[in-house]
N, C-alpha and C. Protein backbone atom coordinates (compact mmCIF):
# COMPACT_ATOMS: atom_id res chain seq x y z
N MET A 1 29.21 12.13 -30.09
CA MET A 1 28.14 11.22 -29.38
C MET A 1 26.99 11.13 -30.19
N ALA A 2 26.46 9.85 -30.28
CA ALA A 2 25.18 9.64 -31.04
C ALA A 2 23.99 10.29 -30.55
N ARG A 3 23.20 10.73 -31.31
CA ARG A 3 21.86 11.37 -30.81
C ARG A 3 20.81 10.56 -31.52
N THR A 4 19.72 10.44 -30.84
CA THR A 4 18.55 9.62 -31.34
C THR A 4 17.25 10.45 -31.41
N GLU A 5 16.34 10.03 -32.26
CA GLU A 5 15.04 10.85 -32.14
C GLU A 5 13.94 9.74 -32.57
N HIS A 6 12.81 9.90 -31.92
CA HIS A 6 11.54 9.16 -32.35
C HIS A 6 10.95 9.84 -33.31
N VAL A 7 10.62 9.51 -34.44
CA VAL A 7 9.98 10.11 -35.48
C VAL A 7 8.95 9.26 -36.10
N GLU A 8 7.83 9.88 -36.50
CA GLU A 8 6.72 9.04 -37.31
C GLU A 8 6.56 9.67 -38.68
N ILE A 9 6.74 8.70 -39.64
CA ILE A 9 6.66 8.97 -40.99
C ILE A 9 5.57 8.12 -41.71
N GLU A 10 4.55 8.80 -42.13
CA GLU A 10 3.39 8.16 -42.93
C GLU A 10 2.67 7.20 -41.79
N GLY A 11 2.61 7.53 -40.57
CA GLY A 11 2.02 6.70 -39.53
C GLY A 11 2.97 5.60 -38.97
N VAL A 12 4.16 5.46 -39.42
CA VAL A 12 5.10 4.38 -39.04
C VAL A 12 6.12 5.09 -38.09
N PRO A 13 6.20 4.42 -36.81
CA PRO A 13 7.22 4.96 -35.78
C PRO A 13 8.52 4.35 -36.14
N LEU A 14 9.40 5.34 -36.21
CA LEU A 14 10.90 5.01 -36.46
C LEU A 14 11.76 5.60 -35.36
N VAL A 15 12.99 4.94 -35.24
CA VAL A 15 14.05 5.64 -34.44
C VAL A 15 15.16 6.09 -35.34
N ALA A 16 15.53 7.37 -35.32
CA ALA A 16 16.66 7.76 -36.11
C ALA A 16 17.84 7.98 -35.22
N THR A 17 19.08 7.45 -35.64
CA THR A 17 20.29 7.56 -34.81
C THR A 17 21.32 8.36 -35.69
N LEU A 18 21.74 9.52 -35.17
CA LEU A 18 22.69 10.19 -35.87
C LEU A 18 24.15 10.12 -35.18
N LEU A 19 25.17 9.72 -35.77
CA LEU A 19 26.51 9.79 -35.29
C LEU A 19 27.25 10.89 -35.99
N PRO A 20 27.58 12.02 -35.40
CA PRO A 20 28.10 13.22 -36.13
C PRO A 20 29.59 12.87 -36.44
N GLY A 21 30.03 13.21 -37.62
CA GLY A 21 31.37 13.15 -38.05
C GLY A 21 31.84 14.00 -39.14
N SER A 22 32.51 13.49 -40.19
CA SER A 22 32.90 14.39 -41.18
C SER A 22 31.88 14.79 -42.34
N GLY A 23 32.12 15.49 -43.33
CA GLY A 23 31.18 15.85 -44.29
C GLY A 23 30.78 14.87 -45.23
N ILE A 24 31.38 13.67 -45.12
CA ILE A 24 30.92 12.51 -45.96
C ILE A 24 29.95 11.75 -45.02
N GLY A 25 28.85 11.38 -45.61
CA GLY A 25 27.75 10.69 -44.75
C GLY A 25 27.38 9.37 -45.09
N LEU A 26 27.14 8.40 -44.22
CA LEU A 26 26.71 7.16 -44.43
C LEU A 26 25.22 7.10 -43.99
N LEU A 27 24.37 6.58 -44.82
CA LEU A 27 22.97 6.57 -44.56
C LEU A 27 22.35 5.18 -44.73
N SER A 28 21.35 4.88 -43.70
CA SER A 28 20.67 3.70 -43.91
C SER A 28 19.18 3.98 -43.62
N LEU A 29 18.45 4.06 -44.67
CA LEU A 29 16.88 4.48 -44.40
C LEU A 29 16.08 3.32 -43.94
N HIS A 30 16.57 2.11 -44.16
CA HIS A 30 15.63 0.90 -43.98
C HIS A 30 16.42 -0.11 -43.20
N GLY A 31 16.95 0.31 -41.98
CA GLY A 31 17.85 -0.52 -41.15
C GLY A 31 17.19 -1.85 -40.75
N SER A 32 15.92 -1.73 -40.47
CA SER A 32 15.20 -2.92 -40.00
C SER A 32 14.74 -3.79 -41.03
N ASN A 33 14.49 -3.15 -42.40
CA ASN A 33 14.05 -3.97 -43.47
C ASN A 33 15.22 -4.89 -44.27
N GLU A 34 16.35 -4.07 -44.24
CA GLU A 34 17.38 -4.45 -45.14
C GLU A 34 18.66 -4.79 -44.27
N GLY A 35 18.42 -6.01 -43.69
CA GLY A 35 19.47 -6.48 -42.77
C GLY A 35 21.05 -6.20 -43.10
N GLY A 36 21.69 -5.70 -42.13
CA GLY A 36 23.13 -5.44 -42.28
C GLY A 36 23.47 -4.00 -42.76
N THR A 37 22.49 -3.32 -43.30
CA THR A 37 22.75 -2.00 -43.84
C THR A 37 23.02 -0.87 -42.73
N ALA A 38 22.31 -1.08 -41.61
CA ALA A 38 22.43 -0.26 -40.46
C ALA A 38 23.81 -0.46 -39.86
N GLU A 39 24.23 -1.77 -39.57
CA GLU A 39 25.26 -2.09 -38.87
C GLU A 39 26.57 -1.71 -39.80
N LEU A 40 26.44 -1.79 -41.13
CA LEU A 40 27.58 -1.44 -42.04
C LEU A 40 27.56 0.15 -42.15
N ALA A 41 26.50 0.84 -42.22
CA ALA A 41 26.71 2.28 -41.98
C ALA A 41 27.44 2.89 -40.93
N GLU A 42 27.14 2.28 -39.75
CA GLU A 42 27.62 2.81 -38.41
C GLU A 42 29.18 2.36 -38.47
N LEU A 43 29.33 1.04 -38.87
CA LEU A 43 30.80 0.53 -38.75
C LEU A 43 31.69 1.34 -39.64
N VAL A 44 31.22 1.56 -40.84
CA VAL A 44 32.03 2.29 -41.73
C VAL A 44 32.41 3.83 -41.29
N ALA A 45 31.21 4.42 -40.88
CA ALA A 45 31.30 5.62 -40.47
C ALA A 45 32.33 5.99 -39.13
N ARG A 46 32.24 4.92 -38.29
CA ARG A 46 33.24 4.94 -37.20
C ARG A 46 34.67 4.79 -37.62
N ARG A 47 34.97 3.83 -38.51
CA ARG A 47 36.24 3.66 -39.01
C ARG A 47 36.87 4.81 -39.77
N CYS A 48 35.84 5.46 -40.59
CA CYS A 48 36.38 6.64 -41.39
C CYS A 48 36.20 8.06 -40.66
N GLY A 49 35.66 8.06 -39.63
CA GLY A 49 35.36 9.37 -39.05
C GLY A 49 34.29 10.10 -39.77
N ALA A 50 33.34 9.46 -40.47
CA ALA A 50 32.24 10.07 -41.22
C ALA A 50 31.04 10.14 -40.39
N THR A 51 30.02 10.80 -40.87
CA THR A 51 28.66 10.89 -40.23
C THR A 51 27.91 9.80 -40.77
N SER A 52 27.05 9.30 -39.72
CA SER A 52 25.91 8.28 -40.10
C SER A 52 24.67 8.68 -39.62
N LEU A 53 23.63 8.26 -40.29
CA LEU A 53 22.27 8.39 -39.97
C LEU A 53 21.59 7.09 -40.39
N VAL A 54 21.00 6.40 -39.28
CA VAL A 54 20.39 5.27 -39.48
C VAL A 54 18.97 5.28 -38.96
N PHE A 55 18.07 4.72 -39.71
CA PHE A 55 16.60 4.55 -39.31
C PHE A 55 16.24 3.17 -39.01
N THR A 56 15.57 2.87 -37.90
CA THR A 56 15.21 1.52 -37.55
C THR A 56 13.88 1.53 -37.01
N GLN A 57 13.22 0.22 -36.96
CA GLN A 57 11.94 0.01 -36.28
C GLN A 57 12.13 -0.99 -35.17
N PRO A 58 12.74 -0.54 -34.04
CA PRO A 58 13.00 -1.75 -33.01
C PRO A 58 11.84 -2.43 -32.61
N GLY A 59 11.98 -3.71 -32.40
CA GLY A 59 10.98 -4.63 -31.86
C GLY A 59 9.86 -4.91 -32.62
N VAL A 60 9.80 -4.48 -34.01
CA VAL A 60 8.77 -4.63 -34.87
C VAL A 60 9.09 -6.03 -35.70
N ARG A 61 8.01 -6.89 -35.67
CA ARG A 61 8.29 -8.16 -36.36
C ARG A 61 8.34 -8.04 -37.83
N ARG A 62 7.51 -7.20 -38.34
CA ARG A 62 7.35 -6.95 -39.76
C ARG A 62 7.55 -5.45 -40.11
N PRO A 63 8.74 -4.98 -40.20
CA PRO A 63 8.97 -3.68 -40.47
C PRO A 63 8.26 -3.09 -41.84
N VAL A 64 7.82 -1.85 -41.78
CA VAL A 64 7.13 -1.30 -42.92
C VAL A 64 8.26 -0.71 -43.83
N HIS A 65 8.24 -0.95 -45.11
CA HIS A 65 9.15 -0.38 -45.99
C HIS A 65 8.64 0.89 -46.60
N ILE A 66 9.15 2.06 -46.33
CA ILE A 66 8.79 3.27 -46.83
C ILE A 66 9.67 3.68 -47.96
N PRO A 67 9.32 3.92 -49.14
CA PRO A 67 10.04 4.33 -50.21
C PRO A 67 10.93 5.40 -49.91
N SER A 68 12.18 5.35 -50.47
CA SER A 68 13.11 6.38 -49.98
C SER A 68 12.76 7.93 -50.26
N PRO A 69 12.07 8.20 -51.28
CA PRO A 69 11.75 9.57 -51.48
C PRO A 69 10.88 10.05 -50.46
N ARG A 70 9.92 9.24 -49.87
CA ARG A 70 8.93 9.54 -48.82
C ARG A 70 9.64 9.59 -47.46
N MET A 71 10.85 9.11 -47.36
CA MET A 71 11.56 9.03 -45.98
C MET A 71 12.16 10.60 -45.73
N ALA A 72 12.16 11.47 -46.79
CA ALA A 72 12.71 12.85 -46.60
C ALA A 72 11.60 13.79 -45.91
N ALA A 73 11.26 13.37 -44.73
CA ALA A 73 10.13 14.01 -43.86
C ALA A 73 10.88 15.31 -43.22
N ASP A 74 10.26 16.47 -43.58
CA ASP A 74 10.70 17.73 -43.11
C ASP A 74 10.72 17.75 -41.67
N HIS A 75 9.84 17.08 -40.94
CA HIS A 75 9.81 17.22 -39.54
C HIS A 75 10.74 16.32 -38.76
N CYS A 76 11.61 15.54 -39.52
CA CYS A 76 12.59 14.82 -38.85
C CYS A 76 13.85 15.71 -38.48
N ALA A 77 14.10 16.08 -37.35
CA ALA A 77 15.23 16.91 -36.94
C ALA A 77 16.57 16.39 -37.25
N LEU A 78 16.74 15.05 -37.02
CA LEU A 78 18.07 14.57 -37.22
C LEU A 78 18.36 14.26 -38.83
N LEU A 79 17.36 14.12 -39.56
CA LEU A 79 17.62 14.16 -41.03
C LEU A 79 17.96 15.56 -41.53
N ARG A 80 17.36 16.70 -40.93
CA ARG A 80 17.74 18.06 -41.26
C ARG A 80 19.24 18.21 -40.88
N ALA A 81 19.53 17.63 -39.62
CA ALA A 81 21.00 17.94 -39.14
C ALA A 81 22.03 17.23 -39.95
N PHE A 82 21.53 15.99 -40.44
CA PHE A 82 22.45 15.27 -41.35
C PHE A 82 22.68 16.05 -42.79
N LEU A 83 21.60 16.56 -43.23
CA LEU A 83 21.67 17.29 -44.51
C LEU A 83 22.48 18.43 -44.32
N ASP A 84 22.38 19.24 -43.16
CA ASP A 84 23.02 20.32 -42.89
C ASP A 84 24.69 20.15 -42.80
N ARG A 85 24.88 18.98 -42.24
CA ARG A 85 26.31 18.61 -41.85
C ARG A 85 27.03 18.05 -43.16
N VAL A 86 26.35 17.21 -43.74
CA VAL A 86 26.99 16.27 -44.82
C VAL A 86 27.06 17.04 -46.24
N CYS A 87 28.07 16.87 -46.86
CA CYS A 87 28.05 17.36 -48.28
C CYS A 87 27.90 16.30 -49.42
N LEU A 88 28.29 14.92 -49.00
CA LEU A 88 28.24 13.95 -50.00
C LEU A 88 27.83 12.60 -49.19
N THR A 89 26.86 11.98 -49.72
CA THR A 89 26.18 10.85 -49.05
C THR A 89 26.43 9.57 -49.80
N VAL A 90 26.70 8.44 -48.92
CA VAL A 90 26.53 7.13 -49.39
C VAL A 90 25.51 6.37 -48.71
N SER A 91 24.46 6.11 -49.33
CA SER A 91 23.24 5.57 -48.93
C SER A 91 23.21 3.96 -49.24
N LEU A 92 23.11 3.26 -48.05
CA LEU A 92 23.26 1.77 -48.16
C LEU A 92 21.78 1.19 -48.16
N HIS A 93 21.67 0.38 -49.12
CA HIS A 93 20.29 -0.43 -49.24
C HIS A 93 20.61 -1.88 -49.42
N GLY A 94 19.54 -2.71 -49.31
CA GLY A 94 19.59 -4.14 -49.54
C GLY A 94 18.59 -4.42 -50.75
N HIS A 95 19.20 -5.36 -51.69
CA HIS A 95 18.22 -5.74 -52.65
C HIS A 95 18.23 -7.18 -52.66
N MET A 96 17.21 -7.94 -53.15
CA MET A 96 16.87 -9.34 -53.11
C MET A 96 16.54 -9.84 -54.54
N ARG A 97 17.29 -9.27 -55.52
CA ARG A 97 17.10 -9.74 -57.03
C ARG A 97 17.73 -11.14 -57.01
N PRO A 98 16.92 -12.21 -57.41
CA PRO A 98 17.33 -13.45 -57.37
C PRO A 98 18.41 -13.78 -58.48
N TRP A 99 18.43 -12.99 -59.43
CA TRP A 99 19.39 -13.09 -60.62
C TRP A 99 20.61 -12.16 -60.40
N ALA A 100 20.70 -11.58 -59.27
CA ALA A 100 21.88 -10.72 -58.97
C ALA A 100 22.35 -10.89 -57.61
N THR A 101 22.50 -12.13 -57.12
CA THR A 101 22.82 -12.41 -55.63
C THR A 101 24.28 -12.13 -55.31
N HIS A 102 25.00 -11.76 -56.33
CA HIS A 102 26.30 -11.50 -56.07
C HIS A 102 26.74 -10.03 -56.82
N THR A 103 25.67 -9.29 -56.99
CA THR A 103 25.94 -7.93 -57.74
C THR A 103 25.56 -6.78 -56.76
N LEU A 104 26.52 -5.78 -56.85
CA LEU A 104 26.41 -4.58 -56.24
C LEU A 104 25.96 -3.38 -57.14
N PHE A 105 24.79 -2.80 -56.95
CA PHE A 105 24.52 -1.74 -57.86
C PHE A 105 24.75 -0.39 -57.34
N LEU A 106 25.54 0.56 -58.14
CA LEU A 106 25.81 1.82 -57.49
C LEU A 106 24.98 2.96 -58.36
N GLY A 107 24.03 3.32 -57.64
CA GLY A 107 23.11 4.41 -58.29
C GLY A 107 23.33 5.76 -57.68
N GLY A 108 22.34 6.60 -57.66
CA GLY A 108 22.47 7.84 -57.00
C GLY A 108 22.87 8.86 -57.98
N GLY A 109 22.71 10.20 -57.75
CA GLY A 109 22.83 11.32 -58.53
C GLY A 109 24.35 11.55 -58.92
N ASN A 110 25.21 11.35 -58.02
CA ASN A 110 26.63 11.74 -58.23
C ASN A 110 27.29 10.62 -58.94
N ARG A 111 27.37 10.71 -60.18
CA ARG A 111 28.04 9.51 -60.98
C ARG A 111 29.48 9.48 -60.90
N GLU A 112 30.25 10.64 -60.67
CA GLU A 112 31.59 10.68 -60.59
C GLU A 112 31.84 9.90 -59.15
N ALA A 113 31.11 10.30 -58.19
CA ALA A 113 31.44 9.65 -56.88
C ALA A 113 31.12 8.16 -56.89
N ALA A 114 30.24 7.65 -57.64
CA ALA A 114 29.83 6.40 -57.84
C ALA A 114 31.16 5.62 -58.39
N LEU A 115 31.72 6.08 -59.42
CA LEU A 115 32.89 5.53 -60.13
C LEU A 115 34.11 5.44 -59.19
N VAL A 116 34.22 6.53 -58.21
CA VAL A 116 35.19 6.46 -57.30
C VAL A 116 35.10 5.38 -56.37
N LEU A 117 33.86 5.26 -55.76
CA LEU A 117 33.58 4.13 -54.88
C LEU A 117 33.75 2.75 -55.49
N ALA A 118 33.33 2.63 -56.82
CA ALA A 118 33.32 1.37 -57.47
C ALA A 118 34.80 0.89 -57.62
N GLU A 119 35.82 1.73 -57.69
CA GLU A 119 37.19 1.37 -57.78
C GLU A 119 37.64 0.62 -56.57
N GLU A 120 37.26 0.90 -55.43
CA GLU A 120 37.57 0.31 -54.20
C GLU A 120 36.65 -0.99 -54.01
N LEU A 121 35.47 -0.99 -54.36
CA LEU A 121 34.47 -2.21 -54.24
C LEU A 121 34.87 -3.25 -55.15
N ARG A 122 35.66 -2.88 -56.22
CA ARG A 122 36.05 -3.92 -57.17
C ARG A 122 37.12 -4.94 -56.54
N ALA A 123 37.62 -4.60 -55.34
CA ALA A 123 38.46 -5.53 -54.54
C ALA A 123 37.70 -6.66 -54.08
N LEU A 124 36.35 -6.60 -54.31
CA LEU A 124 35.53 -7.83 -53.80
C LEU A 124 35.47 -8.77 -55.08
N THR A 125 36.03 -8.55 -56.15
CA THR A 125 36.01 -9.29 -57.29
C THR A 125 36.78 -10.51 -57.04
N PRO A 126 36.55 -11.79 -57.34
CA PRO A 126 35.47 -12.33 -58.18
C PRO A 126 34.21 -12.58 -57.33
N ARG A 127 34.10 -12.52 -56.07
CA ARG A 127 32.97 -12.96 -55.38
C ARG A 127 31.81 -12.11 -55.64
N PHE A 128 32.11 -10.81 -55.82
CA PHE A 128 30.89 -9.68 -56.04
C PHE A 128 31.29 -8.97 -57.46
N ARG A 129 30.31 -8.61 -58.07
CA ARG A 129 30.32 -7.71 -59.15
C ARG A 129 29.77 -6.41 -58.90
N THR A 130 30.41 -5.28 -59.38
CA THR A 130 30.03 -4.01 -59.03
C THR A 130 29.45 -3.31 -60.45
N VAL A 131 28.32 -2.86 -60.43
CA VAL A 131 27.74 -2.25 -61.64
C VAL A 131 27.47 -0.78 -61.37
N THR A 132 27.93 0.09 -62.23
CA THR A 132 27.82 1.55 -62.22
C THR A 132 27.02 2.09 -63.28
N ASP A 133 26.89 1.25 -64.58
CA ASP A 133 26.17 1.75 -65.61
C ASP A 133 24.60 1.76 -65.26
N LEU A 134 24.09 2.92 -65.32
CA LEU A 134 22.59 3.21 -64.84
C LEU A 134 21.62 2.42 -65.73
N THR A 135 21.92 2.19 -66.97
CA THR A 135 21.01 1.39 -67.84
C THR A 135 21.13 -0.02 -67.46
N ALA A 136 22.17 -0.49 -66.78
CA ALA A 136 22.25 -1.92 -66.32
C ALA A 136 21.54 -2.14 -65.03
N ILE A 137 21.24 -0.98 -64.29
CA ILE A 137 20.54 -1.09 -62.94
C ILE A 137 19.05 -1.09 -63.02
N PRO A 138 18.39 -2.05 -62.41
CA PRO A 138 16.99 -1.88 -62.33
C PRO A 138 16.38 -0.55 -62.00
N PRO A 139 15.45 -0.05 -62.62
CA PRO A 139 14.95 1.36 -62.28
C PRO A 139 14.62 1.68 -60.88
N ALA A 140 13.96 0.60 -60.26
CA ALA A 140 13.62 0.75 -58.89
C ALA A 140 14.94 0.86 -57.97
N LEU A 141 16.15 0.49 -58.39
CA LEU A 141 17.40 0.58 -57.56
C LEU A 141 18.35 1.70 -57.84
N ARG A 142 17.93 2.54 -58.94
CA ARG A 142 18.83 3.57 -59.38
C ARG A 142 19.00 4.78 -58.51
N GLY A 143 18.05 5.08 -57.60
CA GLY A 143 18.23 6.08 -56.58
C GLY A 143 18.34 7.48 -57.19
N LEU A 144 17.50 7.88 -58.16
CA LEU A 144 17.68 9.10 -58.86
C LEU A 144 16.46 10.17 -58.61
N HIS A 145 15.64 9.77 -57.79
CA HIS A 145 14.41 10.65 -57.57
C HIS A 145 15.10 11.77 -56.79
N PRO A 146 14.67 13.02 -57.12
CA PRO A 146 15.15 14.21 -56.54
C PRO A 146 14.93 14.30 -55.00
N ARG A 147 13.77 13.60 -54.51
CA ARG A 147 13.37 13.62 -53.12
C ARG A 147 14.15 12.60 -52.28
N ASN A 148 14.77 11.71 -52.99
CA ASN A 148 15.50 10.59 -52.27
C ASN A 148 16.64 11.22 -51.49
N PRO A 149 16.64 11.08 -50.22
CA PRO A 149 17.69 11.75 -49.28
C PRO A 149 19.18 11.69 -49.76
N VAL A 150 19.42 10.53 -50.64
CA VAL A 150 20.90 10.48 -51.09
C VAL A 150 21.16 11.58 -52.05
N ASN A 151 20.09 12.26 -52.60
CA ASN A 151 20.36 13.34 -53.59
C ASN A 151 20.06 14.63 -52.98
N LEU A 152 19.86 14.80 -51.73
CA LEU A 152 19.60 16.07 -51.04
C LEU A 152 20.74 16.88 -50.53
N THR A 153 21.92 16.15 -50.28
CA THR A 153 23.05 16.89 -49.86
C THR A 153 23.70 17.67 -50.90
N ARG A 154 24.58 18.56 -50.67
CA ARG A 154 24.97 19.65 -51.68
C ARG A 154 25.61 18.85 -52.91
N LEU A 155 26.42 17.81 -52.74
CA LEU A 155 27.07 17.15 -53.78
C LEU A 155 26.35 15.98 -54.24
N GLY A 156 25.18 15.69 -53.64
CA GLY A 156 24.40 14.44 -53.91
C GLY A 156 25.02 13.34 -53.36
N GLY A 157 24.98 12.08 -53.97
CA GLY A 157 25.58 11.03 -53.46
C GLY A 157 25.52 9.71 -54.27
N VAL A 158 25.75 8.63 -53.62
CA VAL A 158 25.86 7.24 -54.24
C VAL A 158 24.73 6.32 -53.55
N GLN A 159 23.90 5.71 -54.20
CA GLN A 159 23.03 4.83 -53.50
C GLN A 159 23.59 3.36 -53.84
N VAL A 160 24.00 2.67 -52.78
CA VAL A 160 24.76 1.32 -52.93
C VAL A 160 23.66 0.31 -52.63
N GLU A 161 23.30 -0.42 -53.62
CA GLU A 161 22.35 -1.58 -53.44
C GLU A 161 23.16 -2.88 -53.19
N LEU A 162 23.04 -3.47 -52.07
CA LEU A 162 23.81 -4.69 -51.64
C LEU A 162 23.03 -5.92 -51.70
N PRO A 163 23.38 -6.97 -52.35
CA PRO A 163 22.71 -8.18 -52.14
C PRO A 163 22.83 -8.66 -50.72
N LEU A 164 22.07 -9.74 -50.35
CA LEU A 164 22.09 -10.29 -48.97
C LEU A 164 23.40 -10.80 -48.55
N LEU A 165 24.15 -11.41 -49.45
CA LEU A 165 25.47 -12.05 -49.22
C LEU A 165 26.53 -10.99 -48.82
N ALA A 166 26.40 -9.73 -49.34
CA ALA A 166 27.33 -8.63 -49.12
C ALA A 166 26.99 -7.87 -47.88
N ARG A 167 25.83 -8.15 -47.20
CA ARG A 167 25.56 -7.32 -46.02
C ARG A 167 25.20 -8.06 -44.82
N THR A 168 25.17 -9.45 -44.92
CA THR A 168 24.96 -10.27 -43.76
C THR A 168 25.83 -11.48 -43.64
N THR A 169 26.02 -12.09 -42.52
CA THR A 169 26.94 -13.27 -42.25
C THR A 169 26.12 -14.29 -41.72
N GLY A 170 25.73 -15.24 -42.40
CA GLY A 170 24.93 -16.28 -41.98
C GLY A 170 23.55 -15.80 -41.66
N ALA A 171 23.03 -16.15 -40.37
CA ALA A 171 21.86 -15.67 -39.94
C ALA A 171 21.85 -14.27 -39.27
N ALA A 172 23.12 -13.69 -39.15
CA ALA A 172 23.35 -12.48 -38.47
C ALA A 172 23.36 -11.30 -39.42
N ASP A 173 23.08 -10.16 -38.82
CA ASP A 173 23.16 -8.98 -39.72
C ASP A 173 24.59 -8.29 -39.58
N THR A 174 25.57 -9.20 -39.23
CA THR A 174 26.94 -8.65 -39.12
C THR A 174 27.49 -8.65 -40.65
N PRO A 175 27.99 -7.44 -41.14
CA PRO A 175 28.49 -7.41 -42.52
C PRO A 175 29.59 -8.09 -42.62
N PRO A 176 29.96 -8.86 -43.79
CA PRO A 176 31.12 -9.55 -44.03
C PRO A 176 32.34 -8.54 -44.06
N ARG A 177 33.49 -8.86 -43.39
CA ARG A 177 34.55 -7.98 -43.25
C ARG A 177 35.11 -7.51 -44.54
N PRO A 178 35.12 -8.23 -45.65
CA PRO A 178 35.76 -7.80 -46.91
C PRO A 178 34.95 -6.59 -47.40
N VAL A 179 33.61 -6.75 -47.35
CA VAL A 179 32.69 -5.72 -47.84
C VAL A 179 32.97 -4.41 -46.99
N ALA A 180 32.89 -4.54 -45.63
CA ALA A 180 33.19 -3.39 -44.89
C ALA A 180 34.61 -2.74 -45.09
N ASP A 181 35.55 -3.49 -45.30
CA ASP A 181 36.85 -2.89 -45.56
C ASP A 181 36.86 -2.18 -46.96
N ALA A 182 36.19 -2.93 -47.98
CA ALA A 182 36.20 -2.26 -49.30
C ALA A 182 35.34 -0.86 -49.32
N LEU A 183 34.37 -0.90 -48.64
CA LEU A 183 33.50 0.28 -48.45
C LEU A 183 34.12 1.37 -47.72
N ALA A 184 34.89 0.94 -46.57
CA ALA A 184 35.55 1.94 -45.82
C ALA A 184 36.71 2.60 -46.69
N ALA A 185 37.32 1.85 -47.48
CA ALA A 185 38.36 2.33 -48.44
C ALA A 185 37.87 3.23 -49.36
N GLY A 186 36.62 2.97 -49.90
CA GLY A 186 35.87 3.75 -50.81
C GLY A 186 35.53 5.14 -50.28
N VAL A 187 34.89 5.09 -48.94
CA VAL A 187 34.56 6.22 -48.34
C VAL A 187 35.78 7.20 -48.04
N ALA A 188 36.89 6.57 -47.66
CA ALA A 188 38.11 7.31 -47.48
C ALA A 188 38.54 8.00 -48.82
N ARG A 189 38.42 7.33 -49.92
CA ARG A 189 38.65 7.94 -51.20
C ARG A 189 37.87 9.16 -51.58
N LEU A 190 36.56 8.93 -51.29
CA LEU A 190 35.59 10.01 -51.45
C LEU A 190 35.92 11.36 -50.54
N ALA A 191 36.47 11.10 -49.27
CA ALA A 191 36.80 12.10 -48.53
C ALA A 191 37.98 12.91 -49.02
N GLN A 192 39.07 12.17 -49.59
CA GLN A 192 40.19 12.84 -50.12
C GLN A 192 39.74 13.56 -51.52
N ARG A 193 38.84 12.99 -52.19
CA ARG A 193 38.41 13.56 -53.57
C ARG A 193 37.60 14.73 -53.28
N TRP A 194 36.76 14.90 -52.37
CA TRP A 194 36.06 15.99 -51.94
C TRP A 194 36.12 16.40 -50.53
N PRO A 195 37.35 16.98 -50.26
CA PRO A 195 37.54 17.43 -48.80
C PRO A 195 36.71 18.78 -48.43
N THR A 196 35.70 18.54 -47.75
CA THR A 196 34.68 19.63 -47.48
C THR A 196 34.62 19.96 -46.09
N PRO A 197 34.56 21.19 -45.70
CA PRO A 197 34.38 21.59 -44.19
C PRO A 197 33.14 21.02 -43.76
N THR A 198 33.02 20.64 -42.37
CA THR A 198 31.83 20.17 -41.81
C THR A 198 31.04 21.35 -41.26
N GLN A 199 29.78 21.39 -41.51
CA GLN A 199 28.85 22.33 -40.81
C GLN A 199 28.29 21.62 -39.69
N GLU A 200 28.09 22.47 -38.49
CA GLU A 200 27.53 21.78 -37.38
C GLU A 200 26.02 21.98 -37.63
N PRO A 201 25.30 20.88 -37.11
CA PRO A 201 23.83 20.93 -37.33
C PRO A 201 23.18 22.04 -36.59
N ARG A 202 22.20 22.59 -37.24
CA ARG A 202 21.33 23.65 -36.66
C ARG A 202 20.31 23.26 -35.60
């Protein structure tokens, strides 16, 4: 059953929603800023039996974007529960690089997991291109900061930067089905590669 928490980070009120599942976690830190990432995280988690944690700013016309490393607030109980429960994280973000409208960038500290996930995401070719080479990923999208929540679980994780076309359908924040299918297949592969016991949140 999903749990919610109202939390304030740097003066910004947010709602965190945790759906407990397996030791693989889907994370959306900017669900209200980066359309489709919250919906995609929850959809894939439910399909795979994974854990998801989503942060949103409901009812806010202009959501504030807090950089990922500063989202690791020690006072957020559901983030602590997520980090206790999950061993490997897939963190979903949205980018708006005008020269990369069909490119998915896979950053994060666990490079082996990024390559495993990329194998399934390449099912989206030729519409979308998947990049795992860190030198080809813009520095701001690499997700390598040690305080970025994607890197705080025991095995670290993969930061997936999705262009608008890969996370929304038309004017809605409904993720395209092929992207959801490929990401779910990738998460399932990660669960097979790193079968880890789930810890209950403290």
